[in-house]
Amino acid sequence: MSTPGQLNGRNRLLYPTLPRGEVVATFESYPQAQEAVDVLARADFPVDKVSIVGSDLKSVERVTGKLTWGRVALAGAASGAWLGIFFGLLLIIFSPTVSLAFVLAALLIGAGFGMLWGIVTYAVNRRRRDFTSVQQVIATSYSVLVDSDLGNRARNLLAGGGAQEPAAAAPAPGWTPPAQPQHPSDPPPAPPADAPQPPVQPAPPADDRPTA
């Protein structure tokens, strides 16, 4: 008789559920989402509370080339040669008296049968499939989810690149820092036209007394 705890654990294994939480960032590719998780990990964020969820799965088949008789024969020979080497080495392990010449013979025989099998298969399926391809299942977007109580912290870390930098002091209102000259020998820039001019001091009165 099984306990309810065991049944619940078995159900979680048999029927996985989607993670729940708060979306803190969304990316177009998986490497970008993985880099965001790495940023959180470097900031000592509890990454066991993070999940990457791909949305809108699509099956993509990328055509890599066209099948030809030569390519089919070469691929079949390579597959047969690996199979021949495997059986030859296996026989040497269980029968040490067998020489390496038997492995070479097994390689040639396997390559020949593999080439023949590839050519026959291509001749039968040539009209239905005349190209090679690679199939992939990718998502349109990838979302980084965290627990709801950690959402704000995760956003702050991702916004700052994982490092908490002190905020720069804000300049005083109504004051603009002067532009620095490009070289110490260059003259400083002229003040703007609308800048207030300093008051002009009146010149001292001339001395009208006759000189001796």
Protein backbone atom coordinates (compact mmCIF):
# COMPACT_ATOMS: atom_id res chain seq x y z
CA MET A 1 0.00 0.00 0.00
CA SER A 2 1.44 3.36 -1.04
CA THR A 3 1.23 6.56 0.94
CA PRO A 4 -0.30 9.78 -0.42
CA GLY A 5 3.13 11.42 -0.38
CA GLN A 6 4.55 8.77 -2.67
CA LEU A 7 1.58 9.07 -5.00
CA ASN A 8 1.97 12.84 -5.18
CA GLY A 9 5.65 12.53 -5.95
CA ARG A 10 4.95 9.98 -8.67
CA ASN A 11 2.28 12.21 -10.20
CA ARG A 12 4.74 15.12 -10.32
CA LEU A 13 7.19 12.92 -12.18
CA LEU A 14 4.63 11.53 -14.61
CA TYR A 15 2.72 14.76 -15.18
CA PRO A 16 5.09 17.73 -15.11
CA THR A 17 3.44 21.12 -14.76
CA LEU A 18 4.45 24.53 -16.02
CA PRO A 19 6.37 26.69 -13.54
CA ARG A 20 4.48 29.54 -11.97
CA GLY A 21 5.89 32.90 -11.09
CA GLU A 22 6.54 36.38 -12.39
CA VAL A 23 8.08 37.10 -15.78
CA VAL A 24 11.08 39.39 -15.29
CA ALA A 25 12.47 39.37 -18.85
CA THR A 26 11.64 38.00 -22.30
CA PHE A 27 14.18 37.23 -25.02
CA GLU A 28 14.09 36.15 -28.64
CA SER A 29 16.73 33.41 -28.34
CA TYR A 30 17.71 30.85 -25.73
CA PRO A 31 21.35 32.03 -25.36
CA GLN A 32 20.08 35.47 -24.30
CA ALA A 33 17.82 33.93 -21.64
CA GLN A 34 20.69 31.73 -20.48
CA GLU A 35 22.95 34.78 -20.17
CA ALA A 36 20.31 36.50 -18.01
CA VAL A 37 20.24 33.49 -15.67
CA ASP A 38 24.05 33.59 -15.51
CA VAL A 39 23.85 37.25 -14.43
CA LEU A 40 21.50 36.29 -11.61
CA ALA A 41 23.73 33.41 -10.59
CA ARG A 42 26.81 35.66 -10.38
CA ALA A 43 24.85 38.00 -8.09
CA ASP A 44 24.12 35.16 -5.60
CA PHE A 45 20.47 35.05 -6.63
CA PRO A 46 18.64 31.82 -5.67
CA VAL A 47 18.67 30.30 -9.18
CA ASP A 48 16.66 27.30 -8.00
CA LYS A 49 13.70 29.70 -8.10
CA VAL A 50 14.33 30.60 -11.76
CA SER A 51 12.84 28.94 -14.84
CA ILE A 52 13.17 29.49 -18.60
CA VAL A 53 9.92 28.95 -20.48
CA GLY A 54 9.80 28.80 -24.27
CA SER A 55 6.57 29.92 -25.93
CA ASP A 56 5.07 29.20 -29.37
CA LEU A 57 7.09 26.09 -30.21
CA LYS A 58 7.77 25.56 -33.90
CA SER A 59 9.25 22.64 -35.80
CA VAL A 60 11.98 23.84 -38.16
CA GLU A 61 13.62 21.65 -40.80
CA ARG A 62 16.80 23.16 -42.21
CA VAL A 63 17.90 21.79 -45.57
CA THR A 64 21.65 21.13 -45.53
CA GLY A 65 22.20 19.95 -49.10
CA LYS A 66 21.12 17.83 -52.02
CA LEU A 67 21.59 14.08 -52.11
CA THR A 68 23.81 12.69 -54.85
CA TRP A 69 25.05 9.20 -55.67
CA GLY A 70 28.55 10.04 -54.51
CA ARG A 71 27.42 11.54 -51.20
CA VAL A 72 25.14 8.60 -50.49
CA ALA A 73 27.87 6.08 -51.28
CA LEU A 74 30.40 7.92 -49.10
CA ALA A 75 28.00 8.19 -46.15
CA GLY A 76 27.07 4.51 -46.42
CA ALA A 77 30.73 3.46 -46.58
CA ALA A 78 31.57 5.52 -43.50
CA SER A 79 28.69 4.03 -41.50
CA GLY A 80 29.60 0.50 -42.57
CA ALA A 81 33.28 1.05 -41.77
CA TRP A 82 32.48 2.11 -38.20
CA LEU A 83 30.29 -0.96 -37.77
CA GLY A 84 33.05 -3.20 -39.14
CA ILE A 85 35.65 -1.72 -36.80
CA PHE A 86 33.31 -2.22 -33.84
CA PHE A 87 32.75 -5.92 -34.53
CA GLY A 88 36.45 -6.46 -35.30
CA LEU A 89 37.60 -4.92 -32.01
CA LEU A 90 34.90 -6.79 -30.14
CA LEU A 91 36.16 -10.07 -31.57
CA ILE A 92 39.77 -9.20 -30.62
CA ILE A 93 38.71 -8.48 -27.03
CA PHE A 94 37.06 -11.87 -26.60
CA SER A 95 39.58 -13.71 -28.78
CA PRO A 96 43.09 -12.28 -28.28
CA THR A 97 44.56 -14.74 -30.82
CA VAL A 98 42.89 -12.85 -33.69
CA SER A 99 45.29 -10.53 -35.52
CA LEU A 100 44.73 -6.93 -36.55
CA ALA A 101 44.38 -8.04 -40.15
CA PHE A 102 40.94 -9.33 -39.24
CA VAL A 103 39.97 -5.83 -38.07
CA LEU A 104 41.11 -4.40 -41.40
CA ALA A 105 39.11 -7.03 -43.26
CA ALA A 106 36.04 -6.28 -41.14
CA LEU A 107 36.47 -2.57 -41.91
CA LEU A 108 36.57 -3.16 -45.66
CA ILE A 109 33.65 -5.57 -45.61
CA GLY A 110 31.58 -3.21 -43.49
CA ALA A 111 32.38 -0.26 -45.78
CA GLY A 112 31.36 -2.27 -48.83
CA PHE A 113 28.06 -3.42 -47.36
CA GLY A 114 27.33 0.07 -46.06
CA MET A 115 27.95 1.62 -49.46
CA LEU A 116 25.73 -0.95 -51.16
CA TRP A 117 22.95 -0.44 -48.62
CA GLY A 118 23.09 3.35 -48.96
CA ILE A 119 22.90 3.21 -52.75
CA VAL A 120 19.96 0.80 -52.72
CA THR A 121 18.07 2.89 -50.15
CA TYR A 122 18.67 6.07 -52.13
CA ALA A 123 17.49 4.42 -55.35
CA VAL A 124 14.22 3.41 -53.68
CA ASN A 125 13.52 6.74 -51.92
CA ARG A 126 15.00 9.09 -54.49
CA ARG A 127 11.67 10.39 -55.78
CA ARG A 128 10.27 11.02 -52.32
CA ARG A 129 13.28 12.65 -50.64
CA ASP A 130 16.23 13.99 -52.57
CA PHE A 131 17.86 16.23 -49.94
CA THR A 132 19.40 16.13 -46.47
CA SER A 133 18.08 18.17 -43.57
CA VAL A 134 18.23 18.72 -39.83
CA GLN A 135 15.05 19.05 -37.77
CA GLN A 136 14.84 21.32 -34.74
CA VAL A 137 12.13 22.37 -32.30
CA ILE A 138 12.59 26.01 -31.29
CA ALA A 139 10.49 28.60 -29.48
CA THR A 140 9.51 32.04 -30.69
CA SER A 141 10.33 33.68 -27.35
CA TYR A 142 11.94 32.68 -24.05
CA SER A 143 10.73 34.09 -20.73
CA VAL A 144 12.67 34.10 -17.46
CA LEU A 145 10.35 33.36 -14.53
CA VAL A 146 11.09 33.77 -10.83
CA ASP A 147 9.00 33.50 -7.70
CA SER A 148 6.68 36.43 -7.17
CA ASP A 149 8.44 37.60 -4.01
CA LEU A 150 11.78 37.79 -5.87
CA GLY A 151 10.57 39.61 -8.98
CA ASN A 152 11.75 43.11 -8.06
CA ARG A 153 15.17 41.90 -7.00
CA ALA A 154 15.65 39.96 -10.24
CA ARG A 155 14.65 42.96 -12.36
CA ASN A 156 17.10 45.22 -10.52
CA LEU A 157 19.93 42.76 -11.00
CA LEU A 158 19.20 42.32 -14.70
CA ALA A 159 18.90 46.07 -15.21
CA GLY A 160 22.25 46.70 -13.52
CA GLY A 161 24.05 43.76 -15.10
CA GLY A 162 24.29 41.94 -11.77
CA ALA A 163 26.40 44.59 -9.98
CA GLN A 164 25.09 47.18 -7.59
CA GLU A 165 26.81 50.44 -8.53
CA PRO A 166 26.44 53.64 -6.47
CA ALA A 167 24.28 56.25 -8.12
CA ALA A 168 26.11 59.31 -9.38
CA ALA A 169 25.42 62.58 -7.61
CA ALA A 170 22.86 64.67 -9.48
CA PRO A 171 23.99 68.18 -10.49
CA ALA A 172 22.42 71.17 -8.82
CA PRO A 173 19.37 72.57 -10.62
CA GLY A 174 20.10 75.43 -12.99
CA TRP A 175 23.83 74.63 -13.21
CA THR A 176 25.54 73.19 -16.26
CA PRO A 177 29.10 71.91 -15.92
CA PRO A 178 31.52 73.72 -18.27
CA ALA A 179 32.92 71.77 -21.18
CA GLN A 180 36.47 70.68 -20.66
CA PRO A 181 39.06 71.62 -23.32
CA GLN A 182 40.36 68.78 -25.45
CA HIS A 183 43.99 69.66 -24.70
CA PRO A 184 45.54 71.59 -21.79
CA SER A 185 46.98 74.14 -24.22
CA ASP A 186 43.58 74.84 -25.82
CA PRO A 187 41.73 77.95 -24.56
CA PRO A 188 38.58 77.37 -22.56
CA PRO A 189 35.28 77.64 -24.47
CA ALA A 190 33.49 80.96 -24.60
CA PRO A 191 30.42 81.35 -22.37
CA PRO A 192 27.01 81.20 -24.08
CA ALA A 193 25.41 84.42 -25.31
CA ASP A 194 22.47 84.20 -22.91
CA ALA A 195 24.68 83.73 -19.87
CA PRO A 196 24.49 86.58 -17.31
CA GLN A 197 27.43 88.98 -17.59
CA PRO A 198 29.28 90.07 -14.45
CA PRO A 199 28.62 93.69 -13.40
CA VAL A 200 31.07 96.25 -14.81
CA GLN A 201 32.96 98.16 -12.13
CA PRO A 202 33.05 101.97 -12.78
CA ALA A 203 36.46 103.44 -13.48
CA PRO A 204 37.95 105.66 -10.69
CA PRO A 205 37.74 109.45 -11.32
CA ALA A 206 40.80 111.08 -12.84
CA ASP A 207 42.97 113.27 -10.63
CA ASP A 208 42.68 116.91 -11.94
CA ARG A 209 45.29 118.40 -9.59
CA PRO A 210 48.22 120.06 -11.41
CA THR A 211 51.47 118.36 -11.14
CA ALA A 212 54.48 120.22 -9.63
